[in-house]
Structure formats: structure tokens, C-alpha cells
Amino acid sequence: MAFSNGAWHDPQDGMFKMWYRDVDGGTGYATSKDGIDWSEGRTVLEGNTDSQCVWLDLESEDPAQRFKMMRAQVESGRRCHGVI
């Protein structure tokens, strides 16, 4: 289910990339060549996600920092916020 996450077309490799809330409450990730047929998703971050947002920073000079995420996670009954 999409839950404040994101789906982006990455012009660098021509792929669609999607982050979503997986069935265990963590963050799932899937890819697609056409935006219709998607790879089997996989969990990339575990934990009880409250909400999050992923975006593509096309101006980032560091290839490892092109995709950014802001995430709120529930731990021990408290919400924890951060940027990944």
C-alpha cells in the first residue's frame, strides 16, 4: 500500500522506483521498466513506519544521495523522526 512514500522515474537508468509501506509496517521497494509491471517488492527498512516521504534530488552531485527519505517511526510508543 502506498503510504506517504513515493514513486519516481529515474532518468539515470530509465527505471521507475517505488517505496511503499510493506505488510509488516516497514518500507518496501520495487522497480519497473514501464510503470505498470513491477518487480517483487522487498523490505529495505524494517520497523513500524508511521509515515515517510521519498524524493529524487536531481541536483545532487553525489550519486549515493540522489534519493532522500524523511521518515517517522514508532519505537517503544514514541515517534522518532529523521532524514535518511
PDB file of N, CA and C in Angstrom:
ATOM      1  N   MET A   1       0.842  -1.173   0.000  1.00  0.00           N
ATOM      2  CA  MET A   1       0.000   0.000   0.000  1.00  0.00           C
ATOM      3  C   MET A   1       0.884   1.231   0.000  1.00  0.00           C
ATOM      4  N   ALA A   2       0.549   2.194  -0.799  1.00  0.00           N
ATOM      5  CA  ALA A   2       1.286   3.463  -0.775  1.00  0.00           C
ATOM      6  C   ALA A   2       0.888   4.221   0.476  1.00  0.00           C
ATOM      7  N   PHE A   3       1.844   4.713   1.240  1.00  0.00           N
ATOM      8  CA  PHE A   3       1.565   5.406   2.493  1.00  0.00           C
ATOM      9  C   PHE A   3       2.586   6.520   2.653  1.00  0.00           C
ATOM     10  N   SER A   4       2.310   7.648   2.056  1.00  0.00           N
ATOM     11  CA  SER A   4       3.200   8.804   2.132  1.00  0.00           C
ATOM     12  C   SER A   4       4.617   8.469   1.690  1.00  0.00           C
ATOM     13  N   ASN A   5       4.783   7.690   0.694  1.00  0.00           N
ATOM     14  CA  ASN A   5       6.106   7.299   0.223  1.00  0.00           C
ATOM     15  C   ASN A   5       6.383   7.997  -1.095  1.00  0.00           C
ATOM     16  N   GLY A   6       6.731   7.271  -2.132  1.00  0.00           N
ATOM     17  CA  GLY A   6       6.984   7.936  -3.398  1.00  0.00           C
ATOM     18  C   GLY A   6       7.251   6.959  -4.517  1.00  0.00           C
ATOM     19  N   ALA A   7       6.926   7.378  -5.715  1.00  0.00           N
ATOM     20  CA  ALA A   7       7.255   6.632  -6.926  1.00  0.00           C
ATOM     21  C   ALA A   7       7.849   7.636  -7.904  1.00  0.00           C
ATOM     22  N   TRP A   8       9.015   7.301  -8.438  1.00  0.00           N
ATOM     23  CA  TRP A   8       9.749   8.224  -9.287  1.00  0.00           C
ATOM     24  C   TRP A   8      10.260   7.526 -10.530  1.00  0.00           C
ATOM     25  N   HIS A   9      10.346   8.269 -11.624  1.00  0.00           N
ATOM     26  CA  HIS A   9      11.044   7.788 -12.805  1.00  0.00           C
ATOM     27  C   HIS A   9      12.467   8.312 -12.695  1.00  0.00           C
ATOM     28  N   ASP A  10      13.425   7.405 -12.695  1.00  0.00           N
ATOM     29  CA  ASP A  10      14.833   7.767 -12.566  1.00  0.00           C
ATOM     30  C   ASP A  10      15.433   7.887 -13.969  1.00  0.00           C
ATOM     31  N   PRO A  11      15.697   9.106 -14.435  1.00  0.00           N
ATOM     32  CA  PRO A  11      16.219   9.271 -15.787  1.00  0.00           C
ATOM     33  C   PRO A  11      17.623   8.696 -15.963  1.00  0.00           C
ATOM     34  N   GLN A  12      18.326   8.486 -14.860  1.00  0.00           N
ATOM     35  CA  GLN A  12      19.684   7.960 -14.954  1.00  0.00           C
ATOM     36  C   GLN A  12      19.707   6.538 -15.507  1.00  0.00           C
ATOM     37  N   ASP A  13      18.756   5.703 -15.065  1.00  0.00           N
ATOM     38  CA  ASP A  13      18.729   4.323 -15.574  1.00  0.00           C
ATOM     39  C   ASP A  13      17.420   3.970 -16.280  1.00  0.00           C
ATOM     40  N   GLY A  14      16.518   4.950 -16.436  1.00  0.00           N
ATOM     41  CA  GLY A  14      15.274   4.723 -17.162  1.00  0.00           C
ATOM     42  C   GLY A  14      14.282   3.825 -16.435  1.00  0.00           C
ATOM     43  N   MET A  15      14.438   3.675 -15.113  1.00  0.00           N
ATOM     44  CA  MET A  15      13.559   2.794 -14.329  1.00  0.00           C
ATOM     45  C   MET A  15      12.630   3.627 -13.446  1.00  0.00           C
ATOM     46  N   PHE A  16      11.424   3.079 -13.194  1.00  0.00           N
ATOM     47  CA  PHE A  16      10.537   3.620 -12.173  1.00  0.00           C
ATOM     48  C   PHE A  16      10.929   2.956 -10.860  1.00  0.00           C
ATOM     49  N   LYS A  17      10.960   3.742  -9.781  1.00  0.00           N
ATOM     50  CA  LYS A  17      11.331   3.223  -8.471  1.00  0.00           C
ATOM     51  C   LYS A  17      10.263   3.652  -7.482  1.00  0.00           C
ATOM     52  N   MET A  18       9.788   2.692  -6.666  1.00  0.00           N
ATOM     53  CA  MET A  18       8.687   2.964  -5.755  1.00  0.00           C
ATOM     54  C   MET A  18       9.021   2.482  -4.354  1.00  0.00           C
ATOM     55  N   TRP A  19       8.722   3.331  -3.370  1.00  0.00           N
ATOM     56  CA  TRP A  19       8.831   2.979  -1.957  1.00  0.00           C
ATOM     57  C   TRP A  19       7.419   2.955  -1.405  1.00  0.00           C
ATOM     58  N   TYR A  20       7.132   2.000  -0.529  1.00  0.00           N
ATOM     59  CA  TYR A  20       5.769   1.826  -0.010  1.00  0.00           C
ATOM     60  C   TYR A  20       5.832   1.170   1.362  1.00  0.00           C
ATOM     61  N   ARG A  21       4.729   1.225   2.096  1.00  0.00           N
ATOM     62  CA  ARG A  21       4.634   0.559   3.391  1.00  0.00           C
ATOM     63  C   ARG A  21       4.349  -0.913   3.134  1.00  0.00           C
ATOM     64  N   ASP A  22       5.233  -1.788   3.626  1.00  0.00           N
ATOM     65  CA  ASP A  22       5.022  -3.215   3.388  1.00  0.00           C
ATOM     66  C   ASP A  22       4.089  -3.810   4.442  1.00  0.00           C
ATOM     67  N   VAL A  23       3.778  -5.080   4.314  1.00  0.00           N
ATOM     68  CA  VAL A  23       2.780  -5.715   5.172  1.00  0.00           C
ATOM     69  C   VAL A  23       3.202  -5.768   6.640  1.00  0.00           C
ATOM     70  N   ASP A  24       4.499  -5.664   6.923  1.00  0.00           N
ATOM     71  CA  ASP A  24       4.977  -5.685   8.302  1.00  0.00           C
ATOM     72  C   ASP A  24       5.150  -4.286   8.882  1.00  0.00           C
ATOM     73  N   GLY A  25       4.774  -3.247   8.120  1.00  0.00           N
ATOM     74  CA  GLY A  25       4.875  -1.876   8.595  1.00  0.00           C
ATOM     75  C   GLY A  25       6.201  -1.216   8.271  1.00  0.00           C
ATOM     76  N   GLY A  26       7.110  -1.943   7.629  1.00  0.00           N
ATOM     77  CA  GLY A  26       8.396  -1.377   7.230  1.00  0.00           C
ATOM     78  C   GLY A  26       8.286  -0.702   5.878  1.00  0.00           C
ATOM     79  N   THR A  27       9.421  -0.437   5.280  1.00  0.00           N
ATOM     80  CA  THR A  27       9.461   0.222   3.982  1.00  0.00           C
ATOM     81  C   THR A  27       9.836  -0.781   2.907  1.00  0.00           C
ATOM     82  N   GLY A  28       8.984  -0.905   1.891  1.00  0.00           N
ATOM     83  CA  GLY A  28       9.255  -1.780   0.765  1.00  0.00           C
ATOM     84  C   GLY A  28       9.749  -0.972  -0.421  1.00  0.00           C
ATOM     85  N   TYR A  29      10.390  -1.662  -1.364  1.00  0.00           N
ATOM     86  CA  TYR A  29      10.943  -1.020  -2.558  1.00  0.00           C
ATOM     87  C   TYR A  29      10.735  -1.948  -3.744  1.00  0.00           C
ATOM     88  N   ALA A  30      10.278  -1.385  -4.862  1.00  0.00           N
ATOM     89  CA  ALA A  30      10.082  -2.157  -6.089  1.00  0.00           C
ATOM     90  C   ALA A  30      10.474  -1.292  -7.280  1.00  0.00           C
ATOM     91  N   THR A  31      10.777  -1.945  -8.408  1.00  0.00           N
ATOM     92  CA  THR A  31      11.164  -1.229  -9.627  1.00  0.00           C
ATOM     93  C   THR A  31      10.324  -1.700 -10.804  1.00  0.00           C
ATOM     94  N   SER A  32      10.279  -0.853 -11.842  1.00  0.00           N
ATOM     95  CA  SER A  32       9.515  -1.175 -13.040  1.00  0.00           C
ATOM     96  C   SER A  32      10.157  -0.495 -14.243  1.00  0.00           C
ATOM     97  N   LYS A  33      10.127  -1.171 -15.376  1.00  0.00           N
ATOM     98  CA  LYS A  33      10.620  -0.556 -16.612  1.00  0.00           C
ATOM     99  C   LYS A  33       9.569   0.339 -17.244  1.00  0.00           C
ATOM    100  N   ASP A  34       8.269   0.014 -17.028  1.00  0.00           N
ATOM    101  CA  ASP A  34       7.201   0.745 -17.706  1.00  0.00           C
ATOM    102  C   ASP A  34       6.201   1.428 -16.764  1.00  0.00           C
ATOM    103  N   GLY A  35       6.347   1.255 -15.458  1.00  0.00           N
ATOM    104  CA  GLY A  35       5.410   1.848 -14.507  1.00  0.00           C
ATOM    105  C   GLY A  35       4.123   1.051 -14.358  1.00  0.00           C
ATOM    106  N   ILE A  36       4.028  -0.088 -15.032  1.00  0.00           N
ATOM    107  CA  ILE A  36       2.835  -0.942 -14.960  1.00  0.00           C
ATOM    108  C   ILE A  36       3.175  -2.276 -14.295  1.00  0.00           C
ATOM    109  N   ASP A  37       4.165  -2.959 -14.832  1.00  0.00           N
ATOM    110  CA  ASP A  37       4.602  -4.243 -14.274  1.00  0.00           C
ATOM    111  C   ASP A  37       5.782  -3.989 -13.335  1.00  0.00           C
ATOM    112  N   TRP A  38       5.613  -4.395 -12.066  1.00  0.00           N
ATOM    113  CA  TRP A  38       6.604  -4.097 -11.025  1.00  0.00           C
ATOM    114  C   TRP A  38       7.316  -5.362 -10.571  1.00  0.00           C
ATOM    115  N   SER A  39       8.587  -5.207 -10.188  1.00  0.00           N
ATOM    116  CA  SER A  39       9.341  -6.316  -9.606  1.00  0.00           C
ATOM    117  C   SER A  39       8.700  -6.697  -8.276  1.00  0.00           C
ATOM    118  N   GLU A  40       8.985  -7.892  -7.816  1.00  0.00           N
ATOM    119  CA  GLU A  40       8.507  -8.281  -6.495  1.00  0.00           C
ATOM    120  C   GLU A  40       9.195  -7.376  -5.480  1.00  0.00           C
ATOM    121  N   GLY A  41       8.413  -6.723  -4.663  1.00  0.00           N
ATOM    122  CA  GLY A  41       8.966  -5.790  -3.687  1.00  0.00           C
ATOM    123  C   GLY A  41       9.792  -6.496  -2.632  1.00  0.00           C
ATOM    124  N   ARG A  42      10.682  -5.723  -2.024  1.00  0.00           N
ATOM    125  CA  ARG A  42      11.492  -6.248  -0.930  1.00  0.00           C
ATOM    126  C   ARG A  42      11.554  -5.200   0.164  1.00  0.00           C
ATOM    127  N   THR A  43      11.719  -5.643   1.386  1.00  0.00           N
ATOM    128  CA  THR A  43      11.829  -4.731   2.517  1.00  0.00           C
ATOM    129  C   THR A  43      13.219  -4.114   2.526  1.00  0.00           C
ATOM    130  N   VAL A  44      13.269  -2.785   2.610  1.00  0.00           N
ATOM    131  CA  VAL A  44      14.555  -2.098   2.667  1.00  0.00           C
ATOM    132  C   VAL A  44      14.805  -1.447   4.024  1.00  0.00           C
ATOM    133  N   LEU A  45      13.752  -1.154   4.769  1.00  0.00           N
ATOM    134  CA  LEU A  45      13.877  -0.639   6.132  1.00  0.00           C
ATOM    135  C   LEU A  45      12.820  -1.307   6.991  1.00  0.00           C
ATOM    136  N   GLU A  46      13.252  -1.910   8.091  1.00  0.00           N
ATOM    137  CA  GLU A  46      12.296  -2.540   8.995  1.00  0.00           C
ATOM    138  C   GLU A  46      11.868  -1.545  10.053  1.00  0.00           C
ATOM    139  N   GLY A  47      10.828  -1.881  10.765  1.00  0.00           N
ATOM    140  CA  GLY A  47      10.329  -1.026  11.836  1.00  0.00           C
ATOM    141  C   GLY A  47       8.918  -0.583  11.538  1.00  0.00           C
ATOM    142  N   ASN A  48       8.248  -0.124  12.552  1.00  0.00           N
ATOM    143  CA  ASN A  48       6.860   0.307  12.427  1.00  0.00           C
ATOM    144  C   ASN A  48       6.823   1.747  11.915  1.00  0.00           C
ATOM    145  N   THR A  49       6.736   1.902  10.612  1.00  0.00           N
ATOM    146  CA  THR A  49       6.726   3.218   9.989  1.00  0.00           C
ATOM    147  C   THR A  49       5.408   3.922  10.251  1.00  0.00           C
ATOM    148  N   ASP A  50       5.485   5.144  10.747  1.00  0.00           N
ATOM    149  CA  ASP A  50       4.284   5.956  10.939  1.00  0.00           C
ATOM    150  C   ASP A  50       3.946   6.649   9.625  1.00  0.00           C
ATOM    151  N   SER A  51       4.897   7.312   9.036  1.00  0.00           N
ATOM    152  CA  SER A  51       4.748   7.895   7.703  1.00  0.00           C
ATOM    153  C   SER A  51       6.135   8.250   7.188  1.00  0.00           C
ATOM    154  N   GLN A  52       6.234   8.452   5.897  1.00  0.00           N
ATOM    155  CA  GLN A  52       7.515   8.814   5.305  1.00  0.00           C
ATOM    156  C   GLN A  52       7.300   9.377   3.918  1.00  0.00           C
ATOM    157  N   CYS A  53       8.349  10.005   3.412  1.00  0.00           N
ATOM    158  CA  CYS A  53       8.304  10.580   2.075  1.00  0.00           C
ATOM    159  C   CYS A  53       9.664  10.363   1.420  1.00  0.00           C
ATOM    160  N   VAL A  54       9.666   9.886   0.193  1.00  0.00           N
ATOM    161  CA  VAL A  54      10.891   9.695  -0.581  1.00  0.00           C
ATOM    162  C   VAL A  54      10.845  10.644  -1.763  1.00  0.00           C
ATOM    163  N   TRP A  55      11.960  11.278  -2.063  1.00  0.00           N
ATOM    164  CA  TRP A  55      12.015  12.138  -3.239  1.00  0.00           C
ATOM    165  C   TRP A  55      13.348  11.990  -3.948  1.00  0.00           C
ATOM    166  N   LEU A  56      13.338  12.320  -5.232  1.00  0.00           N
ATOM    167  CA  LEU A  56      14.519  12.249  -6.087  1.00  0.00           C
ATOM    168  C   LEU A  56      15.099  13.656  -6.229  1.00  0.00           C
ATOM    169  N   ASP A  57      16.331  13.817  -5.780  1.00  0.00           N
ATOM    170  CA  ASP A  57      17.031  15.095  -5.865  1.00  0.00           C
ATOM    171  C   ASP A  57      17.883  15.089  -7.132  1.00  0.00           C
ATOM    172  N   LEU A  58      17.353  15.639  -8.207  1.00  0.00           N
ATOM    173  CA  LEU A  58      18.045  15.639  -9.491  1.00  0.00           C
ATOM    174  C   LEU A  58      19.272  16.545  -9.494  1.00  0.00           C
ATOM    175  N   GLU A  59      19.411  17.401  -8.502  1.00  0.00           N
ATOM    176  CA  GLU A  59      20.549  18.306  -8.445  1.00  0.00           C
ATOM    177  C   GLU A  59      21.677  17.809  -7.549  1.00  0.00           C
ATOM    178  N   SER A  60      21.492  16.668  -6.912  1.00  0.00           N
ATOM    179  CA  SER A  60      22.540  16.123  -6.055  1.00  0.00           C
ATOM    180  C   SER A  60      23.761  15.746  -6.885  1.00  0.00           C
ATOM    181  N   GLU A  61      24.915  16.171  -6.436  1.00  0.00           N
ATOM    182  CA  GLU A  61      26.162  15.842  -7.145  1.00  0.00           C
ATOM    183  C   GLU A  61      26.700  14.480  -6.733  1.00  0.00           C
ATOM    184  N   ASP A  62      26.245  13.970  -5.592  1.00  0.00           N
ATOM    185  CA  ASP A  62      26.683  12.664  -5.097  1.00  0.00           C
ATOM    186  C   ASP A  62      25.647  11.620  -5.510  1.00  0.00           C
ATOM    187  N   PRO A  63      26.016  10.668  -6.396  1.00  0.00           N
ATOM    188  CA  PRO A  63      25.053   9.655  -6.853  1.00  0.00           C
ATOM    189  C   PRO A  63      24.428   8.854  -5.705  1.00  0.00           C
ATOM    190  N   ALA A  64      25.136   8.685  -4.611  1.00  0.00           N
ATOM    191  CA  ALA A  64      24.612   7.920  -3.472  1.00  0.00           C
ATOM    192  C   ALA A  64      23.558   8.706  -2.696  1.00  0.00           C
ATOM    193  N   GLN A  65      23.406   9.997  -2.982  1.00  0.00           N
ATOM    194  CA  GLN A  65      22.452  10.822  -2.236  1.00  0.00           C
ATOM    195  C   GLN A  65      21.340  11.386  -3.124  1.00  0.00           C
ATOM    196  N   ARG A  66      21.106  10.777  -4.261  1.00  0.00           N
ATOM    197  CA  ARG A  66      20.060  11.256  -5.172  1.00  0.00           C
ATOM    198  C   ARG A  66      18.663  11.045  -4.608  1.00  0.00           C
ATOM    199  N   PHE A  67      18.434   9.893  -3.970  1.00  0.00           N
ATOM    200  CA  PHE A  67      17.136   9.627  -3.348  1.00  0.00           C
ATOM    201  C   PHE A  67      17.240   9.932  -1.865  1.00  0.00           C
ATOM    202  N   LYS A  68      16.275  10.688  -1.368  1.00  0.00           N
ATOM    203  CA  LYS A  68      16.270  11.089   0.034  1.00  0.00           C
ATOM    204  C   LYS A  68      14.950  10.660   0.661  1.00  0.00           C
ATOM    205  N   MET A  69      14.984  10.417   1.972  1.00  0.00           N
ATOM    206  CA  MET A  69      13.781   9.980   2.674  1.00  0.00           C
ATOM    207  C   MET A  69      13.677  10.708   4.006  1.00  0.00           C
ATOM    208  N   MET A  70      12.472  11.176   4.303  1.00  0.00           N
ATOM    209  CA  MET A  70      12.155  11.650   5.639  1.00  0.00           C
ATOM    210  C   MET A  70      11.202  10.620   6.215  1.00  0.00           C
ATOM    211  N   ARG A  71      11.472  10.163   7.435  1.00  0.00           N
ATOM    212  CA  ARG A  71      10.716   9.044   7.985  1.00  0.00           C
ATOM    213  C   ARG A  71      10.349   9.292   9.440  1.00  0.00           C
ATOM    214  N   ALA A  72       9.120   8.965   9.789  1.00  0.00           N
ATOM    215  CA  ALA A  72       8.675   8.945  11.186  1.00  0.00           C
ATOM    216  C   ALA A  72       8.406   7.492  11.539  1.00  0.00           C
ATOM    217  N   GLN A  73       9.021   7.029  12.610  1.00  0.00           N
ATOM    218  CA  GLN A  73       8.913   5.631  13.005  1.00  0.00           C
ATOM    219  C   GLN A  73       8.484   5.559  14.459  1.00  0.00           C
ATOM    220  N   VAL A  74       7.676   4.566  14.799  1.00  0.00           N
ATOM    221  CA  VAL A  74       7.210   4.386  16.161  1.00  0.00           C
ATOM    222  C   VAL A  74       8.095   3.344  16.844  1.00  0.00           C
ATOM    223  N   GLU A  75       8.719   3.742  17.954  1.00  0.00           N
ATOM    224  CA  GLU A  75       9.545   2.829  18.746  1.00  0.00           C
ATOM    225  C   GLU A  75       9.204   3.022  20.213  1.00  0.00           C
ATOM    226  N   SER A  76       8.906   1.947  20.892  1.00  0.00           N
ATOM    227  CA  SER A  76       8.575   1.991  22.320  1.00  0.00           C
ATOM    228  C   SER A  76       7.487   3.020  22.617  1.00  0.00           C
ATOM    229  N   GLY A  77       6.510   3.092  21.719  1.00  0.00           N
ATOM    230  CA  GLY A  77       5.389   4.002  21.915  1.00  0.00           C
ATOM    231  C   GLY A  77       5.690   5.462  21.614  1.00  0.00           C
ATOM    232  N   ARG A  78       6.902   5.754  21.136  1.00  0.00           N
ATOM    233  CA  ARG A  78       7.285   7.136  20.826  1.00  0.00           C
ATOM    234  C   ARG A  78       7.586   7.254  19.332  1.00  0.00           C
ATOM    235  N   ARG A  79       7.282   8.411  18.775  1.00  0.00           N
ATOM    236  CA  ARG A  79       7.604   8.658  17.368  1.00  0.00           C
ATOM    237  C   ARG A  79       9.022   9.207  17.274  1.00  0.00           C
ATOM    238  N   CYS A  80       9.771   8.664  16.325  1.00  0.00           N
ATOM    239  CA  CYS A  80      11.136   9.109  16.059  1.00  0.00           C
ATOM    240  C   CYS A  80      11.170   9.628  14.626  1.00  0.00           C
ATOM    241  N   HIS A  81      11.748  10.790  14.414  1.00  0.00           N
ATOM    242  CA  HIS A  81      11.791  11.403  13.085  1.00  0.00           C
ATOM    243  C   HIS A  81      13.231  11.525  12.620  1.00  0.00           C
ATOM    244  N   GLY A  82      13.435  11.429  11.329  1.00  0.00           N
ATOM    245  CA  GLY A  82      14.788  11.584  10.805  1.00  0.00           C
ATOM    246  C   GLY A  82      14.802  11.619   9.303  1.00  0.00           C
ATOM    247  N   VAL A  83      15.925  12.044   8.793  1.00  0.00           N
ATOM    248  CA  VAL A  83      16.151  12.052   7.346  1.00  0.00           C
ATOM    249  C   VAL A  83      17.183  11.000   7.042  1.00  0.00           C
ATOM    250  N   ILE A  84      16.889  10.155   6.049  1.00  0.00           N
ATOM    251  CA  ILE A  84      17.786   9.063   5.677  1.00  0.00           C
ATOM    252  C   ILE A  84      18.361   9.387   4.321  1.00  0.00           C
TER     253      ILE A  84
END
